[in-house]
Amino acid sequence: MLADTYIPRRLDDQWKIGLWDVDVAAPVLFMMFVGYLGGSKLAFCLAVSVGFFASRWLARIKSDKHPAFAMHWVYWHLPTNPVSAMRATPPSHIRRMVG
């Protein structure tokens, strides 16, 4: 009874890369890779700036929404493939459910 019990408050936090959520940092990292493939400093700088603006746009969109907003948006708006298919839910093209 005298033991100090620690109750964790953040079990389901989103993954982080440094200080940023993974879904916000992903556009910058992807565009860094694309810029590296471009083979010049100008292509790298342009790609990183596009990735930065895309990540800022995504951060502003999901600012007052559910933490998994980006994952939900991807599920409903992109085509299904074996990697993104969920077994417990119906396919995203079935919009009307009974029950």
PDB file of N, CA and C in Angstrom:
ATOM      1  N   MET A   1       0.796  -1.194   0.000  1.00  0.00           N
ATOM      2  CA  MET A   1       0.000   0.000   0.000  1.00  0.00           C
ATOM      3  C   MET A   1       0.844   1.265   0.000  1.00  0.00           C
ATOM      4  N   LEU A   2       2.048   1.193   0.489  1.00  0.00           N
ATOM      5  CA  LEU A   2       2.887   2.380   0.522  1.00  0.00           C
ATOM      6  C   LEU A   2       3.674   2.584  -0.771  1.00  0.00           C
ATOM      7  N   ALA A   3       3.615   1.615  -1.665  1.00  0.00           N
ATOM      8  CA  ALA A   3       4.364   1.734  -2.924  1.00  0.00           C
ATOM      9  C   ALA A   3       3.730   2.813  -3.803  1.00  0.00           C
ATOM     10  N   ASP A   4       4.590   3.564  -4.455  1.00  0.00           N
ATOM     11  CA  ASP A   4       4.121   4.605  -5.363  1.00  0.00           C
ATOM     12  C   ASP A   4       3.796   3.953  -6.707  1.00  0.00           C
ATOM     13  N   THR A   5       2.534   3.887  -7.059  1.00  0.00           N
ATOM     14  CA  THR A   5       2.100   3.217  -8.274  1.00  0.00           C
ATOM     15  C   THR A   5       2.137   4.197  -9.436  1.00  0.00           C
ATOM     16  N   TYR A   6       2.842   3.814 -10.482  1.00  0.00           N
ATOM     17  CA  TYR A   6       2.919   4.644 -11.682  1.00  0.00           C
ATOM     18  C   TYR A   6       1.835   4.202 -12.644  1.00  0.00           C
ATOM     19  N   ILE A   7       1.016   5.130 -13.087  1.00  0.00           N
ATOM     20  CA  ILE A   7      -0.032   4.837 -14.047  1.00  0.00           C
ATOM     21  C   ILE A   7       0.344   5.517 -15.360  1.00  0.00           C
ATOM     22  N   PRO A   8       0.679   4.721 -16.383  1.00  0.00           N
ATOM     23  CA  PRO A   8       1.068   5.334 -17.656  1.00  0.00           C
ATOM     24  C   PRO A   8      -0.122   6.034 -18.311  1.00  0.00           C
ATOM     25  N   ARG A   9       0.137   7.204 -18.876  1.00  0.00           N
ATOM     26  CA  ARG A   9      -0.926   7.967 -19.513  1.00  0.00           C
ATOM     27  C   ARG A   9      -0.843   7.932 -21.026  1.00  0.00           C
ATOM     28  N   ARG A  10       0.248   7.473 -21.588  1.00  0.00           N
ATOM     29  CA  ARG A  10       0.466   7.586 -23.024  1.00  0.00           C
ATOM     30  C   ARG A  10       0.819   6.241 -23.656  1.00  0.00           C
ATOM     31  N   LEU A  11      -0.075   5.293 -23.596  1.00  0.00           N
ATOM     32  CA  LEU A  11       0.185   3.986 -24.183  1.00  0.00           C
ATOM     33  C   LEU A  11       0.021   3.988 -25.697  1.00  0.00           C
ATOM     34  N   ASP A  12      -0.902   4.772 -26.190  1.00  0.00           N
ATOM     35  CA  ASP A  12      -1.239   4.730 -27.607  1.00  0.00           C
ATOM     36  C   ASP A  12      -0.753   5.958 -28.372  1.00  0.00           C
ATOM     37  N   ASP A  13       0.335   6.564 -27.920  1.00  0.00           N
ATOM     38  CA  ASP A  13       0.870   7.708 -28.658  1.00  0.00           C
ATOM     39  C   ASP A  13       1.356   7.280 -30.025  1.00  0.00           C
ATOM     40  N   GLN A  14       1.301   8.224 -30.961  1.00  0.00           N
ATOM     41  CA  GLN A  14       1.769   7.952 -32.302  1.00  0.00           C
ATOM     42  C   GLN A  14       3.286   7.887 -32.316  1.00  0.00           C
ATOM     43  N   TRP A  15       3.845   7.161 -33.282  1.00  0.00           N
ATOM     44  CA  TRP A  15       5.289   7.064 -33.411  1.00  0.00           C
ATOM     45  C   TRP A  15       5.869   8.423 -33.735  1.00  0.00           C
ATOM     46  N   LYS A  16       7.075   8.662 -33.260  1.00  0.00           N
ATOM     47  CA  LYS A  16       7.728   9.948 -33.468  1.00  0.00           C
ATOM     48  C   LYS A  16       9.066   9.756 -34.171  1.00  0.00           C
ATOM     49  N   ILE A  17       9.425  10.747 -34.977  1.00  0.00           N
ATOM     50  CA  ILE A  17      10.775  10.849 -35.528  1.00  0.00           C
ATOM     51  C   ILE A  17      11.288  12.184 -35.007  1.00  0.00           C
ATOM     52  N   GLY A  18      12.138  12.129 -34.016  1.00  0.00           N
ATOM     53  CA  GLY A  18      12.564  13.353 -33.343  1.00  0.00           C
ATOM     54  C   GLY A  18      11.387  13.941 -32.593  1.00  0.00           C
ATOM     55  N   LEU A  19      10.992  15.152 -32.955  1.00  0.00           N
ATOM     56  CA  LEU A  19       9.853  15.805 -32.314  1.00  0.00           C
ATOM     57  C   LEU A  19       8.572  15.703 -33.123  1.00  0.00           C
ATOM     58  N   TRP A  20       8.643  15.143 -34.332  1.00  0.00           N
ATOM     59  CA  TRP A  20       7.507  15.133 -35.241  1.00  0.00           C
ATOM     60  C   TRP A  20       6.849  13.762 -35.285  1.00  0.00           C
ATOM     61  N   ASP A  21       5.538  13.762 -35.524  1.00  0.00           N
ATOM     62  CA  ASP A  21       4.826  12.504 -35.758  1.00  0.00           C
ATOM     63  C   ASP A  21       5.315  11.909 -37.073  1.00  0.00           C
ATOM     64  N   VAL A  22       5.201  10.603 -37.192  1.00  0.00           N
ATOM     65  CA  VAL A  22       5.693   9.914 -38.391  1.00  0.00           C
ATOM     66  C   VAL A  22       4.965  10.398 -39.639  1.00  0.00           C
ATOM     67  N   ASP A  23       3.651  10.576 -39.556  1.00  0.00           N
ATOM     68  CA  ASP A  23       2.916  10.968 -40.753  1.00  0.00           C
ATOM     69  C   ASP A  23       3.207  12.404 -41.183  1.00  0.00           C
ATOM     70  N   VAL A  24       3.703  13.247 -40.285  1.00  0.00           N
ATOM     71  CA  VAL A  24       4.093  14.610 -40.655  1.00  0.00           C
ATOM     72  C   VAL A  24       5.527  14.629 -41.193  1.00  0.00           C
ATOM     73  N   ALA A  25       6.377  13.782 -40.662  1.00  0.00           N
ATOM     74  CA  ALA A  25       7.780  13.750 -41.101  1.00  0.00           C
ATOM     75  C   ALA A  25       7.966  12.959 -42.394  1.00  0.00           C
ATOM     76  N   ALA A  26       7.032  12.082 -42.733  1.00  0.00           N
ATOM     77  CA  ALA A  26       7.185  11.224 -43.913  1.00  0.00           C
ATOM     78  C   ALA A  26       7.324  11.997 -45.228  1.00  0.00           C
ATOM     79  N   PRO A  27       6.543  13.067 -45.477  1.00  0.00           N
ATOM     80  CA  PRO A  27       6.748  13.781 -46.744  1.00  0.00           C
ATOM     81  C   PRO A  27       8.150  14.374 -46.889  1.00  0.00           C
ATOM     82  N   VAL A  28       8.694  14.901 -45.803  1.00  0.00           N
ATOM     83  CA  VAL A  28      10.043  15.476 -45.869  1.00  0.00           C
ATOM     84  C   VAL A  28      11.064  14.377 -46.147  1.00  0.00           C
ATOM     85  N   LEU A  29      10.953  13.263 -45.448  1.00  0.00           N
ATOM     86  CA  LEU A  29      11.918  12.180 -45.651  1.00  0.00           C
ATOM     87  C   LEU A  29      11.813  11.592 -47.058  1.00  0.00           C
ATOM     88  N   PHE A  30      10.599  11.421 -47.546  1.00  0.00           N
ATOM     89  CA  PHE A  30      10.417  10.894 -48.899  1.00  0.00           C
ATOM     90  C   PHE A  30      10.980  11.853 -49.941  1.00  0.00           C
ATOM     91  N   MET A  31      10.725  13.140 -49.768  1.00  0.00           N
ATOM     92  CA  MET A  31      11.227  14.111 -50.736  1.00  0.00           C
ATOM     93  C   MET A  31      12.741  14.290 -50.633  1.00  0.00           C
ATOM     94  N   MET A  32      13.317  14.044 -49.464  1.00  0.00           N
ATOM     95  CA  MET A  32      14.781  14.040 -49.358  1.00  0.00           C
ATOM     96  C   MET A  32      15.355  12.914 -50.213  1.00  0.00           C
ATOM     97  N   PHE A  33      14.707  11.776 -50.171  1.00  0.00           N
ATOM     98  CA  PHE A  33      15.143  10.642 -50.988  1.00  0.00           C
ATOM     99  C   PHE A  33      14.994  10.951 -52.472  1.00  0.00           C
ATOM    100  N   VAL A  34      13.857  11.556 -52.851  1.00  0.00           N
ATOM    101  CA  VAL A  34      13.630  11.921 -54.250  1.00  0.00           C
ATOM    102  C   VAL A  34      14.663  12.959 -54.697  1.00  0.00           C
ATOM    103  N   GLY A  35      14.960  13.927 -53.842  1.00  0.00           N
ATOM    104  CA  GLY A  35      15.963  14.930 -54.175  1.00  0.00           C
ATOM    105  C   GLY A  35      17.349  14.339 -54.314  1.00  0.00           C
ATOM    106  N   TYR A  36      17.648  13.350 -53.488  1.00  0.00           N
ATOM    107  CA  TYR A  36      18.930  12.662 -53.595  1.00  0.00           C
ATOM    108  C   TYR A  36      19.028  11.922 -54.929  1.00  0.00           C
ATOM    109  N   LEU A  37      17.921  11.328 -55.356  1.00  0.00           N
ATOM    110  CA  LEU A  37      17.915  10.641 -56.643  1.00  0.00           C
ATOM    111  C   LEU A  37      18.041  11.613 -57.811  1.00  0.00           C
ATOM    112  N   GLY A  38      17.659  12.877 -57.588  1.00  0.00           N
ATOM    113  CA  GLY A  38      17.773  13.889 -58.631  1.00  0.00           C
ATOM    114  C   GLY A  38      19.210  14.145 -59.047  1.00  0.00           C
ATOM    115  N   GLY A  39      20.132  13.994 -58.143  1.00  0.00           N
ATOM    116  CA  GLY A  39      21.549  14.067 -58.476  1.00  0.00           C
ATOM    117  C   GLY A  39      22.161  15.459 -58.489  1.00  0.00           C
ATOM    118  N   SER A  40      21.424  16.495 -58.089  1.00  0.00           N
ATOM    119  CA  SER A  40      22.029  17.826 -58.034  1.00  0.00           C
ATOM    120  C   SER A  40      21.579  18.523 -56.755  1.00  0.00           C
ATOM    121  N   LYS A  41      22.326  19.534 -56.377  1.00  0.00           N
ATOM    122  CA  LYS A  41      21.978  20.264 -55.159  1.00  0.00           C
ATOM    123  C   LYS A  41      20.669  21.030 -55.328  1.00  0.00           C
ATOM    124  N   LEU A  42      20.443  21.552 -56.519  1.00  0.00           N
ATOM    125  CA  LEU A  42      19.205  22.280 -56.779  1.00  0.00           C
ATOM    126  C   LEU A  42      17.985  21.356 -56.667  1.00  0.00           C
ATOM    127  N   ALA A  43      18.082  20.164 -57.252  1.00  0.00           N
ATOM    128  CA  ALA A  43      16.975  19.200 -57.164  1.00  0.00           C
ATOM    129  C   ALA A  43      16.734  18.800 -55.714  1.00  0.00           C
ATOM    130  N   PHE A  44      17.799  18.615 -54.955  1.00  0.00           N
ATOM    131  CA  PHE A  44      17.664  18.243 -53.551  1.00  0.00           C
ATOM    132  C   PHE A  44      16.977  19.361 -52.765  1.00  0.00           C
ATOM    133  N   CYS A  45      17.411  20.600 -52.976  1.00  0.00           N
ATOM    134  CA  CYS A  45      16.813  21.728 -52.254  1.00  0.00           C
ATOM    135  C   CYS A  45      15.342  21.918 -52.626  1.00  0.00           C
ATOM    136  N   LEU A  46      15.031  21.804 -53.910  1.00  0.00           N
ATOM    137  CA  LEU A  46      13.637  21.936 -54.335  1.00  0.00           C
ATOM    138  C   LEU A  46      12.762  20.829 -53.756  1.00  0.00           C
ATOM    139  N   ALA A  47      13.267  19.605 -53.780  1.00  0.00           N
ATOM    140  CA  ALA A  47      12.493  18.478 -53.260  1.00  0.00           C
ATOM    141  C   ALA A  47      12.283  18.606 -51.757  1.00  0.00           C
ATOM    142  N   VAL A  48      13.313  19.007 -51.026  1.00  0.00           N
ATOM    143  CA  VAL A  48      13.173  19.164 -49.573  1.00  0.00           C
ATOM    144  C   VAL A  48      12.193  20.292 -49.257  1.00  0.00           C
ATOM    145  N   SER A  49      12.230  21.371 -50.018  1.00  0.00           N
ATOM    146  CA  SER A  49      11.291  22.464 -49.752  1.00  0.00           C
ATOM    147  C   SER A  49       9.854  22.037 -50.051  1.00  0.00           C
ATOM    148  N   VAL A  50       9.638  21.269 -51.116  1.00  0.00           N
ATOM    149  CA  VAL A  50       8.297  20.748 -51.410  1.00  0.00           C
ATOM    150  C   VAL A  50       7.847  19.807 -50.285  1.00  0.00           C
ATOM    151  N   GLY A  51       8.735  18.947 -49.816  1.00  0.00           N
ATOM    152  CA  GLY A  51       8.404  18.053 -48.710  1.00  0.00           C
ATOM    153  C   GLY A  51       8.094  18.801 -47.432  1.00  0.00           C
ATOM    154  N   PHE A  52       8.846  19.879 -47.175  1.00  0.00           N
ATOM    155  CA  PHE A  52       8.595  20.682 -45.982  1.00  0.00           C
ATOM    156  C   PHE A  52       7.220  21.333 -46.053  1.00  0.00           C
ATOM    157  N   PHE A  53       6.883  21.923 -47.198  1.00  0.00           N
ATOM    158  CA  PHE A  53       5.570  22.563 -47.322  1.00  0.00           C
ATOM    159  C   PHE A  53       4.444  21.533 -47.279  1.00  0.00           C
ATOM    160  N   ALA A  54       4.667  20.358 -47.827  1.00  0.00           N
ATOM    161  CA  ALA A  54       3.650  19.304 -47.745  1.00  0.00           C
ATOM    162  C   ALA A  54       3.442  18.847 -46.302  1.00  0.00           C
ATOM    163  N   SER A  55       4.510  18.749 -45.543  1.00  0.00           N
ATOM    164  CA  SER A  55       4.371  18.325 -44.150  1.00  0.00           C
ATOM    165  C   SER A  55       3.704  19.405 -43.311  1.00  0.00           C
ATOM    166  N   ARG A  56       3.978  20.678 -43.591  1.00  0.00           N
ATOM    167  CA  ARG A  56       3.301  21.760 -42.872  1.00  0.00           C
ATOM    168  C   ARG A  56       1.809  21.771 -43.210  1.00  0.00           C
ATOM    169  N   TRP A  57       1.481  21.520 -44.482  1.00  0.00           N
ATOM    170  CA  TRP A  57       0.081  21.450 -44.902  1.00  0.00           C
ATOM    171  C   TRP A  57      -0.634  20.309 -44.183  1.00  0.00           C
ATOM    172  N   LEU A  58       0.026  19.158 -44.117  1.00  0.00           N
ATOM    173  CA  LEU A  58      -0.565  18.009 -43.429  1.00  0.00           C
ATOM    174  C   LEU A  58      -0.724  18.274 -41.939  1.00  0.00           C
ATOM    175  N   ALA A  59       0.249  18.917 -41.325  1.00  0.00           N
ATOM    176  CA  ALA A  59       0.163  19.221 -39.894  1.00  0.00           C
ATOM    177  C   ALA A  59      -0.988  20.180 -39.606  1.00  0.00           C
ATOM    178  N   ARG A  60      -1.209  21.139 -40.486  1.00  0.00           N
ATOM    179  CA  ARG A  60      -2.321  22.073 -40.277  1.00  0.00           C
ATOM    180  C   ARG A  60      -3.666  21.400 -40.475  1.00  0.00           C
ATOM    181  N   ILE A  61      -3.737  20.484 -41.425  1.00  0.00           N
ATOM    182  CA  ILE A  61      -5.005  19.786 -41.656  1.00  0.00           C
ATOM    183  C   ILE A  61      -5.368  18.908 -40.460  1.00  0.00           C
ATOM    184  N   LYS A  62      -4.398  18.206 -39.908  1.00  0.00           N
ATOM    185  CA  LYS A  62      -4.715  17.268 -38.834  1.00  0.00           C
ATOM    186  C   LYS A  62      -4.587  17.868 -37.448  1.00  0.00           C
ATOM    187  N   SER A  63      -4.445  19.187 -37.340  1.00  0.00           N
ATOM    188  CA  SER A  63      -4.181  19.821 -36.050  1.00  0.00           C
ATOM    189  C   SER A  63      -5.304  19.621 -35.034  1.00  0.00           C
ATOM    190  N   ASP A  64      -6.559  19.739 -35.421  1.00  0.00           N
ATOM    191  CA  ASP A  64      -7.658  19.596 -34.465  1.00  0.00           C
ATOM    192  C   ASP A  64      -8.477  18.340 -34.696  1.00  0.00           C
ATOM    193  N   LYS A  65      -7.866  17.340 -35.266  1.00  0.00           N
ATOM    194  CA  LYS A  65      -8.589  16.112 -35.572  1.00  0.00           C
ATOM    195  C   LYS A  65      -8.012  14.942 -34.764  1.00  0.00           C
ATOM    196  N   HIS A  66      -8.560  13.787 -34.993  1.00  0.00           N
ATOM    197  CA  HIS A  66      -8.117  12.562 -34.327  1.00  0.00           C
ATOM    198  C   HIS A  66      -6.640  12.306 -34.629  1.00  0.00           C
ATOM    199  N   PRO A  67      -5.870  11.759 -33.682  1.00  0.00           N
ATOM    200  CA  PRO A  67      -4.444  11.510 -33.944  1.00  0.00           C
ATOM    201  C   PRO A  67      -4.182  10.597 -35.138  1.00  0.00           C
ATOM    202  N   ALA A  68      -5.109   9.708 -35.456  1.00  0.00           N
ATOM    203  CA  ALA A  68      -4.918   8.800 -36.589  1.00  0.00           C
ATOM    204  C   ALA A  68      -5.656   9.299 -37.829  1.00  0.00           C
ATOM    205  N   PHE A  69      -5.858  10.606 -37.935  1.00  0.00           N
ATOM    206  CA  PHE A  69      -6.591  11.188 -39.056  1.00  0.00           C
ATOM    207  C   PHE A  69      -5.956  10.830 -40.391  1.00  0.00           C
ATOM    208  N   ALA A  70      -4.637  10.889 -40.490  1.00  0.00           N
ATOM    209  CA  ALA A  70      -3.954  10.607 -41.757  1.00  0.00           C
ATOM    210  C   ALA A  70      -4.168   9.151 -42.171  1.00  0.00           C
ATOM    211  N   MET A  71      -4.101   8.236 -41.220  1.00  0.00           N
ATOM    212  CA  MET A  71      -4.320   6.828 -41.542  1.00  0.00           C
ATOM    213  C   MET A  71      -5.762   6.595 -42.000  1.00  0.00           C
ATOM    214  N   HIS A  72      -6.721   7.249 -41.359  1.00  0.00           N
ATOM    215  CA  HIS A  72      -8.120   7.117 -41.770  1.00  0.00           C
ATOM    216  C   HIS A  72      -8.333   7.691 -43.158  1.00  0.00           C
ATOM    217  N   TRP A  73      -7.723   8.845 -43.446  1.00  0.00           N
ATOM    218  CA  TRP A  73      -7.856   9.451 -44.765  1.00  0.00           C
ATOM    219  C   TRP A  73      -7.284   8.547 -45.846  1.00  0.00           C
ATOM    220  N   VAL A  74      -6.124   7.961 -45.580  1.00  0.00           N
ATOM    221  CA  VAL A  74      -5.500   7.047 -46.544  1.00  0.00           C
ATOM    222  C   VAL A  74      -6.398   5.840 -46.779  1.00  0.00           C
ATOM    223  N   TYR A  75      -7.009   5.302 -45.723  1.00  0.00           N
ATOM    224  CA  TYR A  75      -7.877   4.133 -45.860  1.00  0.00           C
ATOM    225  C   TYR A  75      -9.073   4.438 -46.758  1.00  0.00           C
ATOM    226  N   TRP A  76      -9.679   5.605 -46.586  1.00  0.00           N
ATOM    227  CA  TRP A  76     -10.900   5.907 -47.322  1.00  0.00           C
ATOM    228  C   TRP A  76     -10.657   6.447 -48.719  1.00  0.00           C
ATOM    229  N   HIS A  77      -9.492   7.007 -49.003  1.00  0.00           N
ATOM    230  CA  HIS A  77      -9.300   7.678 -50.284  1.00  0.00           C
ATOM    231  C   HIS A  77      -8.320   7.004 -51.233  1.00  0.00           C
ATOM    232  N   LEU A  78      -7.499   6.108 -50.776  1.00  0.00           N
ATOM    233  CA  LEU A  78      -6.567   5.428 -51.669  1.00  0.00           C
ATOM    234  C   LEU A  78      -7.064   4.019 -51.967  1.00  0.00           C
ATOM    235  N   PRO A  79      -6.696   3.455 -53.113  1.00  0.00           N
ATOM    236  CA  PRO A  79      -7.158   2.100 -53.436  1.00  0.00           C
ATOM    237  C   PRO A  79      -6.574   1.061 -52.473  1.00  0.00           C
ATOM    238  N   THR A  80      -7.308  -0.012 -52.322  1.00  0.00           N
ATOM    239  CA  THR A  80      -6.886  -1.066 -51.404  1.00  0.00           C
ATOM    240  C   THR A  80      -5.797  -1.916 -52.033  1.00  0.00           C
ATOM    241  N   ASN A  81      -4.858  -2.320 -51.230  1.00  0.00           N
ATOM    242  CA  ASN A  81      -3.835  -3.260 -51.659  1.00  0.00           C
ATOM    243  C   ASN A  81      -3.582  -4.227 -50.506  1.00  0.00           C
ATOM    244  N   PRO A  82      -2.854  -5.291 -50.716  1.00  0.00           N
ATOM    245  CA  PRO A  82      -2.650  -6.263 -49.635  1.00  0.00           C
ATOM    246  C   PRO A  82      -1.957  -5.678 -48.412  1.00  0.00           C
ATOM    247  N   VAL A  83      -1.179  -4.615 -48.574  1.00  0.00           N
ATOM    248  CA  VAL A  83      -0.482  -4.025 -47.423  1.00  0.00           C
ATOM    249  C   VAL A  83      -1.450  -3.216 -46.569  1.00  0.00           C
ATOM    250  N   SER A  84      -2.343  -2.453 -47.198  1.00  0.00           N
ATOM    251  CA  SER A  84      -3.232  -1.576 -46.441  1.00  0.00           C
ATOM    252  C   SER A  84      -4.601  -2.196 -46.153  1.00  0.00           C
ATOM    253  N   ALA A  85      -4.867  -3.388 -46.622  1.00  0.00           N
ATOM    254  CA  ALA A  85      -6.172  -4.014 -46.392  1.00  0.00           C
ATOM    255  C   ALA A  85      -6.296  -4.434 -44.931  1.00  0.00           C
ATOM    256  N   MET A  86      -7.470  -4.183 -44.358  1.00  0.00           N
ATOM    257  CA  MET A  86      -7.741  -4.583 -42.982  1.00  0.00           C
ATOM    258  C   MET A  86      -8.734  -5.738 -43.000  1.00  0.00           C
ATOM    259  N   ARG A  87      -8.496  -6.704 -42.149  1.00  0.00           N
ATOM    260  CA  ARG A  87      -9.377  -7.870 -42.129  1.00  0.00           C
ATOM    261  C   ARG A  87     -10.632  -7.639 -41.303  1.00  0.00           C
ATOM    262  N   ALA A  88     -10.567  -6.783 -40.283  1.00  0.00           N
ATOM    263  CA  ALA A  88     -11.693  -6.601 -39.379  1.00  0.00           C
ATOM    264  C   ALA A  88     -12.731  -5.619 -39.905  1.00  0.00           C
ATOM    265  N   THR A  89     -12.407  -4.871 -40.934  1.00  0.00           N
ATOM    266  CA  THR A  89     -13.333  -3.886 -41.472  1.00  0.00           C
ATOM    267  C   THR A  89     -13.646  -4.207 -42.932  1.00  0.00           C
ATOM    268  N   PRO A  90     -14.782  -3.749 -43.414  1.00  0.00           N
ATOM    269  CA  PRO A  90     -15.103  -3.993 -44.830  1.00  0.00           C
ATOM    270  C   PRO A  90     -14.222  -3.132 -45.730  1.00  0.00           C
ATOM    271  N   PRO A  91     -14.140  -3.467 -47.000  1.00  0.00           N
ATOM    272  CA  PRO A  91     -13.357  -2.638 -47.927  1.00  0.00           C
ATOM    273  C   PRO A  91     -13.900  -1.211 -47.986  1.00  0.00           C
ATOM    274  N   SER A  92     -13.036  -0.268 -48.314  1.00  0.00           N
ATOM    275  CA  SER A  92     -13.436   1.139 -48.257  1.00  0.00           C
ATOM    276  C   SER A  92     -14.429   1.524 -49.341  1.00  0.00           C
ATOM    277  N   HIS A  93     -14.554   0.733 -50.402  1.00  0.00           N
ATOM    278  CA  HIS A  93     -15.507   1.086 -51.445  1.00  0.00           C
ATOM    279  C   HIS A  93     -16.937   0.756 -51.046  1.00  0.00           C
ATOM    280  N   ILE A  94     -17.137  -0.015 -49.983  1.00  0.00           N
ATOM    281  CA  ILE A  94     -18.482  -0.308 -49.471  1.00  0.00           C
ATOM    282  C   ILE A  94     -18.822   0.773 -48.459  1.00  0.00           C
ATOM    283  N   ARG A  95     -19.625   1.748 -48.879  1.00  0.00           N
ATOM    284  CA  ARG A  95     -19.911   2.903 -48.028  1.00  0.00           C
ATOM    285  C   ARG A  95     -21.162   2.715 -47.178  1.00  0.00           C
ATOM    286  N   ARG A  96     -22.019   1.803 -47.571  1.00  0.00           N
ATOM    287  CA  ARG A  96     -23.281   1.625 -46.849  1.00  0.00           C
ATOM    288  C   ARG A  96     -23.263   0.306 -46.116  1.00  0.00           C
ATOM    289  N   MET A  97     -23.447   0.365 -44.804  1.00  0.00           N
ATOM    290  CA  MET A  97     -23.451  -0.861 -44.015  1.00  0.00           C
ATOM    291  C   MET A  97     -24.798  -1.011 -43.311  1.00  0.00           C
ATOM    292  N   VAL A  98     -25.179  -2.228 -43.138  1.00  0.00           N
ATOM    293  CA  VAL A  98     -26.433  -2.511 -42.469  1.00  0.00           C
ATOM    294  C   VAL A  98     -26.102  -3.105 -41.101  1.00  0.00           C
ATOM    295  N   GLY A  99     -26.706  -2.565 -40.060  1.00  0.00           N
ATOM    296  CA  GLY A  99     -26.498  -3.141 -38.726  1.00  0.00           C
ATOM    297  C   GLY A  99     -25.881  -2.239 -37.740  1.00  0.00           C
TER     298      GLY A  99
END
